[in-house]
N, C-alpha and C. Protein backbone atom coordinates (compact mmCIF):
# COMPACT_ATOMS: atom_id res chain seq x y z
N UNK A 1 78.20 142.73 69.08
CA UNK A 1 77.32 142.78 67.84
C UNK A 1 77.05 141.55 67.60
N UNK A 2 78.33 140.79 68.00
CA UNK A 2 78.40 139.51 67.99
C UNK A 2 77.32 139.03 68.88
N UNK A 3 76.66 138.84 69.84
CA UNK A 3 76.49 138.72 71.12
C UNK A 3 74.80 139.17 70.25
N UNK A 4 74.79 139.77 70.09
CA UNK A 4 73.15 139.84 69.04
C UNK A 4 72.65 138.78 67.86
N UNK A 5 73.66 138.66 67.75
CA UNK A 5 73.72 137.49 66.53
C UNK A 5 73.68 136.66 67.25
N UNK A 6 74.30 135.39 67.97
CA UNK A 6 74.35 135.00 68.75
C UNK A 6 72.82 134.44 69.21
N UNK A 7 72.12 135.55 69.81
CA UNK A 7 71.11 135.47 70.17
C UNK A 7 69.98 135.23 69.06
N UNK A 8 70.04 136.39 68.46
CA UNK A 8 69.09 135.94 67.13
C UNK A 8 69.40 134.14 66.76
N UNK A 9 70.58 134.02 65.92
CA UNK A 9 70.81 132.73 65.53
C UNK A 9 70.17 131.54 66.57
N UNK A 10 70.43 131.40 67.92
CA UNK A 10 69.89 130.40 69.41
C UNK A 10 68.56 131.22 69.63
N UNK A 11 67.23 131.88 68.68
CA UNK A 11 66.17 132.45 68.72
C UNK A 11 65.61 131.21 68.07
N UNK A 12 66.79 131.92 66.23
CA UNK A 12 66.76 130.85 64.97
C UNK A 12 66.33 129.65 65.48
N UNK A 13 67.33 129.11 66.36
CA UNK A 13 67.68 127.46 66.57
C UNK A 13 65.91 127.43 67.29
N UNK A 14 65.56 127.93 68.01
CA UNK A 14 65.08 127.68 69.44
C UNK A 14 63.45 127.59 68.68
N UNK A 15 63.13 128.46 67.48
CA UNK A 15 61.80 128.53 66.72
C UNK A 15 62.04 127.41 65.64
N UNK A 16 63.43 126.83 65.41
CA UNK A 16 63.16 125.64 64.42
C UNK A 16 63.26 124.16 64.95
N UNK A 17 63.28 124.29 66.52
CA UNK A 17 63.28 123.13 67.49
C UNK A 17 62.14 122.77 67.43
N UNK A 18 61.29 123.93 67.69
CA UNK A 18 59.67 124.61 67.97
C UNK A 18 58.95 123.76 67.20
N UNK A 19 58.82 124.32 65.84
CA UNK A 19 58.84 123.42 64.58
C UNK A 19 58.60 122.55 64.35
N UNK A 20 60.16 121.53 64.48
CA UNK A 20 60.71 120.31 64.53
C UNK A 20 59.44 119.80 65.80
N UNK A 21 58.95 120.28 66.85
CA UNK A 21 58.36 119.16 67.75
C UNK A 21 57.06 119.24 66.84
N UNK A 22 56.43 120.72 66.92
CA UNK A 22 55.14 120.54 66.10
C UNK A 22 54.97 119.95 64.93
N UNK A 23 55.94 119.57 63.50
CA UNK A 23 55.55 119.25 63.15
C UNK A 23 55.36 117.35 63.50
N UNK A 24 56.42 116.89 64.51
CA UNK A 24 56.40 115.47 65.04
C UNK A 24 54.99 115.54 65.67
N UNK A 25 54.63 116.63 66.34
CA UNK A 25 53.55 115.47 66.47
C UNK A 25 52.18 115.42 66.09
N UNK A 26 52.07 116.41 64.93
CA UNK A 26 51.28 116.73 63.46
C UNK A 26 51.45 114.92 62.97
N UNK A 27 52.63 114.78 62.68
CA UNK A 27 52.60 113.55 61.78
C UNK A 27 52.42 112.51 63.04
N UNK A 28 52.48 111.93 63.78
CA UNK A 28 51.91 111.15 64.69
C UNK A 28 50.36 111.22 64.89
N UNK A 29 49.87 112.54 64.68
CA UNK A 29 48.26 113.07 64.21
C UNK A 29 47.83 111.74 62.91
N UNK A 30 49.05 112.47 62.00
CA UNK A 30 48.58 111.86 61.11
C UNK A 30 49.13 110.36 61.02
N UNK A 31 49.75 110.00 60.87
CA UNK A 31 50.79 108.55 61.00
C UNK A 31 49.46 107.49 61.28
N UNK A 32 48.82 107.49 62.59
CA UNK A 32 47.47 106.35 62.53
C UNK A 32 46.39 106.54 61.90
N UNK A 33 45.88 107.46 60.89
CA UNK A 33 45.09 107.98 60.01
C UNK A 33 45.40 107.01 58.49
N UNK A 34 46.95 107.07 58.64
CA UNK A 34 47.74 106.52 57.10
C UNK A 34 47.69 105.43 57.17
N UNK A 35 47.68 104.74 58.82
CA UNK A 35 48.06 102.98 58.81
C UNK A 35 46.35 102.81 58.49
N UNK A 36 45.22 102.64 59.26
CA UNK A 36 44.07 103.06 58.62
C UNK A 36 44.17 102.93 57.30
N UNK A 37 44.39 103.79 56.90
CA UNK A 37 43.66 103.52 55.25
C UNK A 37 44.83 102.65 54.75
N UNK A 38 46.11 102.17 54.53
CA UNK A 38 46.32 100.78 54.30
C UNK A 38 45.85 100.17 54.72
N UNK A 39 45.11 100.04 55.31
CA UNK A 39 45.32 98.18 56.40
C UNK A 39 43.97 98.37 55.60
N UNK A 40 42.94 99.42 55.51
CA UNK A 40 41.49 99.41 54.49
C UNK A 40 42.03 98.68 53.32
N UNK A 41 42.77 99.66 52.85
CA UNK A 41 43.18 99.31 51.36
C UNK A 41 43.61 97.50 51.39
N UNK A 42 44.33 97.20 52.46
CA UNK A 42 45.15 95.83 52.03
C UNK A 42 44.21 94.81 52.47
N UNK A 43 42.88 95.21 53.56
CA UNK A 43 41.89 94.18 53.54
C UNK A 43 40.69 93.95 52.16
N UNK A 44 40.36 95.11 51.73
CA UNK A 44 39.89 95.73 50.31
C UNK A 44 40.09 94.58 49.30
N UNK A 45 41.68 94.22 49.52
CA UNK A 45 42.53 93.78 47.94
C UNK A 45 42.35 92.55 48.18
N UNK A 46 42.50 92.04 50.02
CA UNK A 46 42.57 90.40 50.82
C UNK A 46 40.80 90.02 49.90
N UNK A 47 39.68 90.59 50.15
CA UNK A 47 38.52 90.47 50.12
C UNK A 47 38.51 90.27 48.31
N UNK A 48 38.75 91.67 47.42
CA UNK A 48 38.88 91.22 46.28
C UNK A 48 39.00 90.16 45.65
N UNK A 49 40.57 89.74 46.78
CA UNK A 49 41.06 88.34 46.03
C UNK A 49 39.98 87.11 46.23
N UNK A 50 39.50 87.04 47.48
CA UNK A 50 38.99 86.17 48.17
C UNK A 50 37.18 85.58 47.51
N UNK A 51 36.89 86.38 47.15
CA UNK A 51 35.69 87.19 46.13
C UNK A 51 36.60 86.04 44.89
N UNK A 52 37.41 86.68 43.84
CA UNK A 52 37.53 85.93 43.17
C UNK A 52 38.04 84.80 43.05
N UNK A 53 37.91 84.18 44.55
CA UNK A 53 38.00 82.55 44.26
C UNK A 53 37.47 81.90 44.64
N UNK A 54 36.38 82.39 45.53
CA UNK A 54 34.84 81.92 45.32
C UNK A 54 33.92 81.81 44.09
N UNK A 55 34.01 83.35 43.08
CA UNK A 55 33.47 82.98 41.87
C UNK A 55 34.85 81.42 41.00
N UNK A 56 35.61 81.58 40.68
CA UNK A 56 36.23 80.63 40.63
C UNK A 56 35.21 79.16 40.82
N UNK A 57 35.73 79.04 41.87
CA UNK A 57 34.78 77.50 42.72
C UNK A 57 34.13 77.41 42.58
N UNK A 58 32.73 78.42 42.30
CA UNK A 58 31.37 78.42 41.85
C UNK A 58 31.16 77.84 40.06
N UNK A 59 32.18 78.88 39.62
CA UNK A 59 32.30 78.14 38.38
C UNK A 59 32.43 76.73 37.61
N UNK A 60 33.65 76.31 38.71
CA UNK A 60 34.18 74.48 39.05
C UNK A 60 32.27 73.71 39.47
N UNK A 61 32.04 74.46 39.81
CA UNK A 61 30.38 73.89 40.56
C UNK A 61 29.82 73.46 39.44
N UNK A 62 29.61 74.49 38.95
CA UNK A 62 28.43 74.48 37.84
C UNK A 62 28.88 73.82 36.81
N UNK A 63 29.98 73.89 36.50
CA UNK A 63 30.42 72.88 35.14
C UNK A 63 30.27 71.40 35.84
N UNK A 64 30.43 71.44 36.96
CA UNK A 64 30.47 69.83 37.64
C UNK A 64 29.26 69.26 37.79
N UNK A 65 28.35 70.15 37.52
CA UNK A 65 27.03 69.89 38.19
C UNK A 65 26.68 69.94 36.90
N UNK A 66 26.94 70.09 35.52
CA UNK A 66 26.12 70.06 34.51
C UNK A 66 26.73 68.77 34.01
N UNK A 67 28.03 68.37 33.92
CA UNK A 67 28.11 67.11 33.67
C UNK A 67 27.48 66.43 33.91
N UNK A 68 27.78 66.05 35.48
CA UNK A 68 26.54 64.76 36.14
C UNK A 68 25.28 64.51 36.05
N UNK A 69 24.94 65.93 35.44
CA UNK A 69 23.45 66.36 35.57
C UNK A 69 23.64 65.57 33.78
N UNK A 70 24.45 66.02 32.95
CA UNK A 70 24.18 65.50 31.52
C UNK A 70 24.41 63.60 31.22
N UNK A 71 25.25 62.96 32.84
CA UNK A 71 25.12 61.82 32.46
C UNK A 71 23.89 61.06 33.59
N UNK A 72 23.23 61.77 33.92
CA UNK A 72 21.89 61.31 34.32
C UNK A 72 21.12 61.25 33.76
N UNK A 73 21.06 62.38 32.59
CA UNK A 73 20.17 62.12 31.47
C UNK A 73 20.46 60.79 31.30
N UNK A 74 21.72 61.04 30.46
CA UNK A 74 21.82 59.99 29.46
C UNK A 74 21.92 58.43 30.42
N UNK A 75 21.54 58.27 31.15
CA UNK A 75 21.93 57.28 32.08
C UNK A 75 20.47 56.96 32.08
N UNK A 76 19.51 58.07 32.10
CA UNK A 76 18.00 57.84 32.40
C UNK A 76 17.44 57.63 30.70
N UNK A 77 18.12 57.96 30.15
CA UNK A 77 17.48 57.81 28.71
C UNK A 77 17.90 56.02 28.34
N UNK A 78 19.13 55.74 28.91
CA UNK A 78 19.31 54.52 28.83
C UNK A 78 17.97 53.42 29.42
N UNK A 79 18.03 53.99 30.81
CA UNK A 79 17.25 52.94 31.86
C UNK A 79 15.75 52.70 30.82
N UNK A 80 14.95 54.09 30.26
CA UNK A 80 13.91 53.54 30.06
C UNK A 80 13.49 53.02 28.38
N UNK A 81 15.10 53.20 27.68
CA UNK A 81 14.37 52.79 26.67
C UNK A 81 14.55 51.21 27.30
N UNK A 82 16.16 50.73 28.04
CA UNK A 82 15.89 49.09 28.49
C UNK A 82 14.76 48.61 29.12
N UNK A 83 13.64 49.82 29.40
CA UNK A 83 12.52 49.41 30.56
C UNK A 83 11.51 49.07 29.16
N UNK A 84 11.70 50.05 27.88
CA UNK A 84 10.21 50.16 27.05
C UNK A 84 11.09 48.67 26.00
N UNK A 85 11.79 48.53 25.99
CA UNK A 85 12.34 46.89 25.56
C UNK A 85 12.08 45.31 26.56
N UNK A 86 11.82 45.87 27.10
CA UNK A 86 11.59 44.77 28.67
C UNK A 86 10.16 44.93 28.21
N UNK A 87 9.11 45.96 28.40
CA UNK A 87 8.12 46.00 28.54
C UNK A 87 7.71 45.18 26.87
N UNK A 88 7.89 45.18 25.99
CA UNK A 88 7.51 44.71 24.28
C UNK A 88 8.10 43.52 24.40
N UNK A 89 9.54 43.35 25.08
CA UNK A 89 9.29 41.90 25.46
C UNK A 89 8.38 40.36 26.13
N UNK A 90 7.96 41.41 27.17
CA UNK A 90 7.06 40.61 27.63
C UNK A 90 5.39 40.60 27.76
N UNK A 91 5.29 41.84 27.09
CA UNK A 91 4.23 41.76 26.35
C UNK A 91 4.06 40.58 24.68
N UNK A 92 5.01 40.41 24.27
CA UNK A 92 5.38 39.37 23.40
C UNK A 92 5.20 37.44 24.03
N UNK A 93 5.60 37.74 25.76
CA UNK A 93 5.67 37.07 25.65
C UNK A 93 4.34 36.68 25.99
N UNK A 94 3.50 37.54 26.88
CA UNK A 94 2.35 37.30 26.67
C UNK A 94 1.47 36.81 25.82
N UNK A 95 1.95 37.92 24.68
CA UNK A 95 0.97 37.04 23.11
C UNK A 95 1.37 35.33 23.19
N UNK A 96 2.64 35.15 23.48
CA UNK A 96 3.11 33.27 23.13
C UNK A 96 2.35 32.77 23.91
N UNK A 97 2.41 33.27 25.56
CA UNK A 97 1.25 32.49 26.55
C UNK A 97 -0.16 32.52 25.48
N UNK A 98 -0.92 33.36 25.50
CA UNK A 98 -2.09 33.53 24.75
C UNK A 98 -2.09 32.90 23.85
N UNK A 99 -1.43 32.46 22.88
CA UNK A 99 -1.27 31.48 21.48
C UNK A 99 -1.42 30.59 21.40
N UNK A 100 -0.43 29.95 21.93
CA UNK A 100 -0.13 28.35 22.76
C UNK A 100 -0.50 27.61 23.44
N UNK A 101 -1.57 28.39 24.17
CA UNK A 101 -2.76 27.78 25.90
C UNK A 101 -3.98 28.48 25.62
N UNK A 102 -4.55 29.06 23.60
CA UNK A 102 -5.88 30.00 23.75
C UNK A 102 -6.72 29.18 24.08
N UNK A 103 -6.98 27.44 24.03
CA UNK A 103 -7.72 26.97 23.85
C UNK A 103 -8.20 26.28 25.39
N UNK A 104 -7.24 26.71 26.52
CA UNK A 104 -7.34 26.55 27.51
C UNK A 104 -8.05 28.32 28.07
N UNK A 105 -7.52 29.39 27.87
CA UNK A 105 -8.37 30.63 28.20
C UNK A 105 -9.79 30.72 27.43
N UNK A 106 -9.69 30.09 26.10
CA UNK A 106 -11.35 30.44 25.47
C UNK A 106 -12.01 29.64 26.73
N UNK A 107 -11.79 28.18 26.98
CA UNK A 107 -12.89 27.25 27.70
C UNK A 107 -12.90 27.87 29.24
N UNK A 108 -12.12 28.67 29.57
CA UNK A 108 -11.59 29.07 30.92
C UNK A 108 -13.10 30.03 30.73
N UNK A 109 -13.25 31.52 29.50
CA UNK A 109 -14.26 32.00 29.36
C UNK A 109 -15.26 31.55 29.21
N UNK A 110 -14.91 30.72 28.95
CA UNK A 110 -16.85 29.70 28.37
C UNK A 110 -17.52 29.49 30.13
N UNK A 111 -16.04 29.51 30.73
CA UNK A 111 -17.02 28.98 32.76
C UNK A 111 -16.59 27.65 32.74
N UNK A 112 -15.68 26.74 32.59
CA UNK A 112 -16.10 25.78 32.26
C UNK A 112 -14.78 25.52 33.76
N UNK A 113 -14.90 24.88 34.31
CA UNK A 113 -13.46 24.55 35.52
C UNK A 113 -12.42 24.06 35.43
N UNK A 114 -11.43 24.50 36.34
CA UNK A 114 -10.47 23.37 36.36
C UNK A 114 -10.35 21.89 35.56
N UNK A 115 -10.78 21.21 35.77
CA UNK A 115 -11.18 20.06 36.10
C UNK A 115 -12.06 19.03 34.28
N UNK A 116 -12.78 20.30 34.41
CA UNK A 116 -13.53 19.99 33.52
C UNK A 116 -12.37 20.39 32.00
N UNK A 117 -12.11 21.75 32.03
CA UNK A 117 -10.53 21.94 30.68
C UNK A 117 -9.73 21.15 30.67
N UNK A 118 -9.84 20.12 31.76
CA UNK A 118 -8.44 19.66 31.67
C UNK A 118 -8.76 18.30 31.08
N UNK A 119 -10.20 17.75 31.59
CA UNK A 119 -10.98 15.83 30.86
C UNK A 119 -10.75 16.65 28.87
N UNK A 120 -11.54 18.22 29.34
CA UNK A 120 -11.71 17.47 27.74
C UNK A 120 -10.13 18.21 26.62
N UNK A 121 -9.79 19.00 27.15
CA UNK A 121 -8.02 19.39 26.18
C UNK A 121 -6.65 17.59 26.61
N UNK A 122 -7.48 17.25 27.61
CA UNK A 122 -6.59 15.34 27.80
C UNK A 122 -5.27 16.13 28.34
N UNK A 123 -5.48 17.32 29.45
CA UNK A 123 -4.53 17.35 30.06
C UNK A 123 -4.71 17.29 31.17
N UNK A 124 -3.19 17.81 32.15
CA UNK A 124 -3.46 17.40 34.10
C UNK A 124 -4.29 18.99 34.30
N UNK A 125 -4.89 18.22 35.11
CA UNK A 125 -5.64 19.22 36.21
C UNK A 125 -4.66 20.18 36.43
N UNK A 126 -2.77 19.77 37.61
CA UNK A 126 -2.27 20.53 38.28
C UNK A 126 -1.48 21.36 36.59
N UNK A 127 -1.32 21.01 34.81
CA UNK A 127 -0.85 21.36 34.53
C UNK A 127 -1.87 22.82 33.84
N UNK A 128 -2.87 22.58 33.94
CA UNK A 128 -3.89 23.12 33.28
C UNK A 128 -3.88 24.71 34.90
N UNK A 129 -4.26 24.67 35.45
CA UNK A 129 -4.09 25.04 36.87
C UNK A 129 -3.01 25.53 36.91
N UNK A 130 -2.11 25.50 36.85
CA UNK A 130 -0.88 25.85 36.48
C UNK A 130 -0.67 27.00 35.04
N UNK A 131 -1.05 26.99 34.44
CA UNK A 131 -1.22 27.24 33.30
C UNK A 131 -2.08 28.76 33.55
N UNK A 132 -2.94 28.96 33.98
CA UNK A 132 -4.22 29.81 34.14
C UNK A 132 -3.67 30.36 35.53
N UNK A 133 -3.14 30.01 36.59
CA UNK A 133 -1.79 31.10 37.63
C UNK A 133 -1.18 31.93 37.03
N UNK A 134 0.04 30.73 36.26
CA UNK A 134 0.93 31.85 35.57
C UNK A 134 0.57 33.24 34.63
N UNK A 135 -0.98 33.31 33.58
CA UNK A 135 -1.53 33.97 32.98
C UNK A 135 -1.97 35.05 34.01
N UNK A 136 -2.41 34.59 35.01
CA UNK A 136 -3.01 35.43 36.24
C UNK A 136 -1.64 36.32 36.79
N UNK A 137 -0.86 35.90 36.94
CA UNK A 137 -0.59 36.78 37.12
C UNK A 137 1.07 37.62 36.61
N UNK A 138 1.08 36.92 35.34
CA UNK A 138 1.52 37.90 33.88
C UNK A 138 0.06 39.14 33.83
N UNK A 139 -0.86 39.17 34.07
CA UNK A 139 -2.17 40.83 34.10
C UNK A 139 -1.93 41.72 35.41
N UNK A 140 -1.35 40.99 36.22
CA UNK A 140 -1.03 41.80 37.40
C UNK A 140 0.14 42.88 37.16
């Protein structure tokens, strides 16, 4: 009877060993899939982190661009105001030149030559020619 018990125990032991071998081979097949899923999960986390960093970087660039755009707008307004002021000053100088030498311009409009204007106003012909040249340059 003891032999039968030993044989039964040996048989059960053999069945247990076979069961463990089968389970081990199944785990080996399942383990690569689990590793693959883990790697995919890790990659997804890494990509999510990188996308978050890119979004933050883009927001920083947008803020920088807005600030620079505002600075350029202010500089442009300042330059435009400066140009307008310069134009007003120049047009004021034109008026001053026209008022001061009105007689010369009137005589020129009447068709008199530089020498004739100089004689009539008792000025040098070089001075009259110079004034007329300045006025012509300012008109251009």
